């Protein structure tokens, strides 16, 4: 798919790159495998229990 990139680095570096990309383009980054926007993925990572709540 056009526009996908792979980052083989730590999450912290990837997060900075994604935030900068969003600022430069004015677009929202969307995770290809789940169609969730970057902010949603970040919230889930910071609160691991949120994924359990969503499946219950």
PDB file of N, CA and C in Angstrom:
ATOM      1  N   UNK A   1       0.843  -1.171   0.000  1.00  0.00           N
ATOM      2  CA  UNK A   1       0.000   0.000   0.000  1.00  0.00           C
ATOM      3  C   UNK A   1       0.890   1.235   0.000  1.00  0.00           C
ATOM      4  N   UNK A   2       0.524   2.219  -0.744  1.00  0.00           N
ATOM      5  CA  UNK A   2       1.299   3.452  -0.831  1.00  0.00           C
ATOM      6  C   UNK A   2       1.265   4.192   0.505  1.00  0.00           C
ATOM      7  N   UNK A   3       2.404   4.705   0.922  1.00  0.00           N
ATOM      8  CA  UNK A   3       2.457   5.526   2.117  1.00  0.00           C
ATOM      9  C   UNK A   3       2.852   4.797   3.377  1.00  0.00           C
ATOM     10  N   UNK A   4       2.994   3.486   3.352  1.00  0.00           N
ATOM     11  CA  UNK A   4       3.407   2.748   4.534  1.00  0.00           C
ATOM     12  C   UNK A   4       4.922   2.784   4.648  1.00  0.00           C
ATOM     13  N   UNK A   5       5.377   2.914   5.874  1.00  0.00           N
ATOM     14  CA  UNK A   5       6.810   2.810   6.116  1.00  0.00           C
ATOM     15  C   UNK A   5       7.040   1.867   7.275  1.00  0.00           C
ATOM     16  N   UNK A   6       8.184   1.239   7.306  1.00  0.00           N
ATOM     17  CA  UNK A   6       8.545   0.370   8.417  1.00  0.00           C
ATOM     18  C   UNK A   6       9.699   0.978   9.178  1.00  0.00           C
ATOM     19  N   UNK A   7       9.587   0.996  10.480  1.00  0.00           N
ATOM     20  CA  UNK A   7      10.648   1.557  11.298  1.00  0.00           C
ATOM     21  C   UNK A   7      11.222   0.456  12.174  1.00  0.00           C
ATOM     22  N   UNK A   8      12.461   0.119  11.955  1.00  0.00           N
ATOM     23  CA  UNK A   8      13.117  -0.892  12.767  1.00  0.00           C
ATOM     24  C   UNK A   8      13.899  -0.230  13.877  1.00  0.00           C
ATOM     25  N   UNK A   9      13.206   0.409  14.784  1.00  0.00           N
ATOM     26  CA  UNK A   9      13.867   1.147  15.852  1.00  0.00           C
ATOM     27  C   UNK A   9      12.992   1.104  17.106  1.00  0.00           C
ATOM     28  N   UNK A  10      13.425   1.751  18.164  1.00  0.00           N
ATOM     29  CA  UNK A  10      12.655   1.727  19.401  1.00  0.00           C
ATOM     30  C   UNK A  10      11.391   2.570  19.276  1.00  0.00           C
ATOM     31  N   UNK A  11      10.422   2.279  20.143  1.00  0.00           N
ATOM     32  CA  UNK A  11       9.142   2.984  20.077  1.00  0.00           C
ATOM     33  C   UNK A  11       9.296   4.478  20.302  1.00  0.00           C
ATOM     34  N   UNK A  12      10.200   4.878  21.177  1.00  0.00           N
ATOM     35  CA  UNK A  12      10.395   6.301  21.446  1.00  0.00           C
ATOM     36  C   UNK A  12      10.810   7.068  20.212  1.00  0.00           C
ATOM     37  N   UNK A  13      11.756   6.512  19.455  1.00  0.00           N
ATOM     38  CA  UNK A  13      12.199   7.170  18.223  1.00  0.00           C
ATOM     39  C   UNK A  13      11.089   7.168  17.176  1.00  0.00           C
ATOM     40  N   UNK A  14      10.362   6.068  17.103  1.00  0.00           N
ATOM     41  CA  UNK A  14       9.264   5.980  16.143  1.00  0.00           C
ATOM     42  C   UNK A  14       8.176   6.991  16.486  1.00  0.00           C
ATOM     43  N   UNK A  15       7.869   7.131  17.773  1.00  0.00           N
ATOM     44  CA  UNK A  15       6.842   8.090  18.193  1.00  0.00           C
ATOM     45  C   UNK A  15       7.216   9.508  17.788  1.00  0.00           C
ATOM     46  N   UNK A  16       8.474   9.879  17.994  1.00  0.00           N
ATOM     47  CA  UNK A  16       8.931  11.226  17.620  1.00  0.00           C
ATOM     48  C   UNK A  16       8.804  11.421  16.115  1.00  0.00           C
ATOM     49  N   UNK A  17       9.204  10.414  15.344  1.00  0.00           N
ATOM     50  CA  UNK A  17       9.117  10.507  13.892  1.00  0.00           C
ATOM     51  C   UNK A  17       7.665  10.646  13.436  1.00  0.00           C
ATOM     52  N   UNK A  18       6.767   9.915  14.077  1.00  0.00           N
ATOM     53  CA  UNK A  18       5.353   9.973  13.701  1.00  0.00           C
ATOM     54  C   UNK A  18       4.756  11.330  14.032  1.00  0.00           C
ATOM     55  N   UNK A  19       5.063  11.853  15.216  1.00  0.00           N
ATOM     56  CA  UNK A  19       4.555  13.174  15.608  1.00  0.00           C
ATOM     57  C   UNK A  19       5.059  14.231  14.629  1.00  0.00           C
ATOM     58  N   UNK A  20       6.331  14.168  14.280  1.00  0.00           N
ATOM     59  CA  UNK A  20       6.888  15.146  13.327  1.00  0.00           C
ATOM     60  C   UNK A  20       6.230  15.011  11.959  1.00  0.00           C
ATOM     61  N   UNK A  21       6.008  13.786  11.515  1.00  0.00           N
ATOM     62  CA  UNK A  21       5.355  13.564  10.223  1.00  0.00           C
ATOM     63  C   UNK A  21       3.948  14.157  10.240  1.00  0.00           C
ATOM     64  N   UNK A  22       3.208  13.922  11.330  1.00  0.00           N
ATOM     65  CA  UNK A  22       1.846  14.464  11.432  1.00  0.00           C
ATOM     66  C   UNK A  22       1.871  15.992  11.394  1.00  0.00           C
ATOM     67  N   UNK A  23       2.835  16.594  12.081  1.00  0.00           N
ATOM     68  CA  UNK A  23       2.939  18.051  12.090  1.00  0.00           C
ATOM     69  C   UNK A  23       3.271  18.594  10.704  1.00  0.00           C
ATOM     70  N   UNK A  24       4.161  17.918   9.991  1.00  0.00           N
ATOM     71  CA  UNK A  24       4.564  18.380   8.660  1.00  0.00           C
ATOM     72  C   UNK A  24       3.462  18.223   7.627  1.00  0.00           C
ATOM     73  N   UNK A  25       2.718  17.126   7.701  1.00  0.00           N
ATOM     74  CA  UNK A  25       1.729  16.831   6.665  1.00  0.00           C
ATOM     75  C   UNK A  25       0.317  17.291   7.014  1.00  0.00           C
ATOM     76  N   UNK A  26       0.047  17.476   8.296  1.00  0.00           N
ATOM     77  CA  UNK A  26      -1.308  17.802   8.715  1.00  0.00           C
ATOM     78  C   UNK A  26      -2.240  16.601   8.673  1.00  0.00           C
ATOM     79  N   UNK A  27      -1.683  15.408   8.469  1.00  0.00           N
ATOM     80  CA  UNK A  27      -2.474  14.178   8.415  1.00  0.00           C
ATOM     81  C   UNK A  27      -2.316  13.406   9.715  1.00  0.00           C
ATOM     82  N   UNK A  28      -3.208  12.434   9.943  1.00  0.00           N
ATOM     83  CA  UNK A  28      -3.108  11.565  11.094  1.00  0.00           C
ATOM     84  C   UNK A  28      -2.500  10.237  10.674  1.00  0.00           C
ATOM     85  N   UNK A  29      -1.536   9.774  11.458  1.00  0.00           N
ATOM     86  CA  UNK A  29      -0.944   8.465  11.210  1.00  0.00           C
ATOM     87  C   UNK A  29      -1.940   7.390  11.629  1.00  0.00           C
ATOM     88  N   UNK A  30      -2.106   6.365  10.793  1.00  0.00           N
ATOM     89  CA  UNK A  30      -3.044   5.277  11.060  1.00  0.00           C
ATOM     90  C   UNK A  30      -2.276   3.966  11.014  1.00  0.00           C
ATOM     91  N   UNK A  31      -2.444   3.163  12.040  1.00  0.00           N
ATOM     92  CA  UNK A  31      -1.778   1.859  12.089  1.00  0.00           C
ATOM     93  C   UNK A  31      -2.451   0.920  11.084  1.00  0.00           C
ATOM     94  N   UNK A  32      -1.673   0.363  10.193  1.00  0.00           N
ATOM     95  CA  UNK A  32      -2.209  -0.431   9.089  1.00  0.00           C
ATOM     96  C   UNK A  32      -2.955  -1.675   9.560  1.00  0.00           C
ATOM     97  N   UNK A  33      -2.445  -2.352  10.571  1.00  0.00           N
ATOM     98  CA  UNK A  33      -3.063  -3.614  10.964  1.00  0.00           C
ATOM     99  C   UNK A  33      -4.349  -3.458  11.770  1.00  0.00           C
ATOM    100  N   UNK A  34      -4.564  -2.265  12.364  1.00  0.00           N
ATOM    101  CA  UNK A  34      -5.765  -2.103  13.179  1.00  0.00           C
ATOM    102  C   UNK A  34      -6.631  -0.911  12.761  1.00  0.00           C
ATOM    103  N   UNK A  35      -6.133  -0.083  11.857  1.00  0.00           N
ATOM    104  CA  UNK A  35      -6.831   1.136  11.425  1.00  0.00           C
ATOM    105  C   UNK A  35      -7.076   2.126  12.563  1.00  0.00           C
ATOM    106  N   UNK A  36      -6.277   2.027  13.632  1.00  0.00           N
ATOM    107  CA  UNK A  36      -6.389   2.974  14.746  1.00  0.00           C
ATOM    108  C   UNK A  36      -5.420   4.123  14.508  1.00  0.00           C
ATOM    109  N   UNK A  37      -5.834   5.331  14.934  1.00  0.00           N
ATOM    110  CA  UNK A  37      -4.940   6.472  14.775  1.00  0.00           C
ATOM    111  C   UNK A  37      -3.852   6.414  15.843  1.00  0.00           C
ATOM    112  N   UNK A  38      -2.771   7.134  15.598  1.00  0.00           N
ATOM    113  CA  UNK A  38      -1.591   7.127  16.453  1.00  0.00           C
ATOM    114  C   UNK A  38      -1.931   7.404  17.914  1.00  0.00           C
ATOM    115  N   UNK A  39      -2.803   8.361  18.173  1.00  0.00           N
ATOM    116  CA  UNK A  39      -3.147   8.713  19.548  1.00  0.00           C
ATOM    117  C   UNK A  39      -3.847   7.565  20.268  1.00  0.00           C
ATOM    118  N   UNK A  40      -4.708   6.828  19.563  1.00  0.00           N
ATOM    119  CA  UNK A  40      -5.392   5.687  20.174  1.00  0.00           C
ATOM    120  C   UNK A  40      -4.401   4.597  20.563  1.00  0.00           C
ATOM    121  N   UNK A  41      -3.455   4.336  19.679  1.00  0.00           N
ATOM    122  CA  UNK A  41      -2.445   3.316  19.952  1.00  0.00           C
ATOM    123  C   UNK A  41      -1.600   3.736  21.155  1.00  0.00           C
ATOM    124  N   UNK A  42      -1.253   5.012  21.223  1.00  0.00           N
ATOM    125  CA  UNK A  42      -0.469   5.516  22.347  1.00  0.00           C
ATOM    126  C   UNK A  42      -1.202   5.379  23.671  1.00  0.00           C
ATOM    127  N   UNK A  43      -2.498   5.658  23.668  1.00  0.00           N
ATOM    128  CA  UNK A  43      -3.285   5.505  24.890  1.00  0.00           C
ATOM    129  C   UNK A  43      -3.349   4.046  25.329  1.00  0.00           C
ATOM    130  N   UNK A  44      -3.486   3.151  24.384  1.00  0.00           N
ATOM    131  CA  UNK A  44      -3.528   1.720  24.716  1.00  0.00           C
ATOM    132  C   UNK A  44      -2.192   1.247  25.280  1.00  0.00           C
ATOM    133  N   UNK A  45      -1.097   1.755  24.713  1.00  0.00           N
ATOM    134  CA  UNK A  45       0.226   1.365  25.208  1.00  0.00           C
ATOM    135  C   UNK A  45       0.462   1.884  26.617  1.00  0.00           C
ATOM    136  N   UNK A  46      -0.057   3.078  26.922  1.00  0.00           N
ATOM    137  CA  UNK A  46       0.164   3.653  28.241  1.00  0.00           C
ATOM    138  C   UNK A  46      -0.771   3.060  29.287  1.00  0.00           C
ATOM    139  N   UNK A  47      -1.862   2.425  28.843  1.00  0.00           N
ATOM    140  CA  UNK A  47      -2.825   1.802  29.748  1.00  0.00           C
ATOM    141  C   UNK A  47      -3.127   0.393  29.239  1.00  0.00           C
ATOM    142  N   UNK A  48      -2.278  -0.587  29.580  1.00  0.00           N
ATOM    143  CA  UNK A  48      -2.466  -1.947  29.053  1.00  0.00           C
ATOM    144  C   UNK A  48      -3.812  -2.560  29.417  1.00  0.00           C
ATOM    145  N   UNK A  49      -4.432  -2.128  30.501  1.00  0.00           N
ATOM    146  CA  UNK A  49      -5.731  -2.669  30.890  1.00  0.00           C
ATOM    147  C   UNK A  49      -6.840  -2.269  29.933  1.00  0.00           C
ATOM    148  N   UNK A  50      -6.633  -1.222  29.135  1.00  0.00           N
ATOM    149  CA  UNK A  50      -7.678  -0.759  28.220  1.00  0.00           C
ATOM    150  C   UNK A  50      -8.004  -1.809  27.167  1.00  0.00           C
ATOM    151  N   UNK A  51      -7.023  -2.621  26.765  1.00  0.00           N
ATOM    152  CA  UNK A  51      -7.306  -3.650  25.771  1.00  0.00           C
ATOM    153  C   UNK A  51      -8.127  -4.767  26.387  1.00  0.00           C
ATOM    154  N   UNK A  52      -7.924  -5.033  27.687  1.00  0.00           N
ATOM    155  CA  UNK A  52      -8.727  -6.050  28.359  1.00  0.00           C
ATOM    156  C   UNK A  52     -10.163  -5.592  28.507  1.00  0.00           C
ATOM    157  N   UNK A  53     -10.357  -4.327  28.847  1.00  0.00           N
ATOM    158  CA  UNK A  53     -11.691  -3.782  29.018  1.00  0.00           C
ATOM    159  C   UNK A  53     -12.467  -3.827  27.707  1.00  0.00           C
ATOM    160  N   UNK A  54     -11.785  -3.582  26.593  1.00  0.00           N
ATOM    161  CA  UNK A  54     -12.445  -3.548  25.294  1.00  0.00           C
ATOM    162  C   UNK A  54     -12.910  -4.930  24.864  1.00  0.00           C
ATOM    163  N   UNK A  55     -12.233  -5.989  25.324  1.00  0.00           N
ATOM    164  CA  UNK A  55     -12.596  -7.337  24.901  1.00  0.00           C
ATOM    165  C   UNK A  55     -13.591  -7.995  25.837  1.00  0.00           C
ATOM    166  N   UNK A  56     -13.803  -7.420  27.020  1.00  0.00           N
ATOM    167  CA  UNK A  56     -14.719  -8.024  27.986  1.00  0.00           C
ATOM    168  C   UNK A  56     -16.158  -7.678  27.704  1.00  0.00           C
TER     169      UNK A  56
END
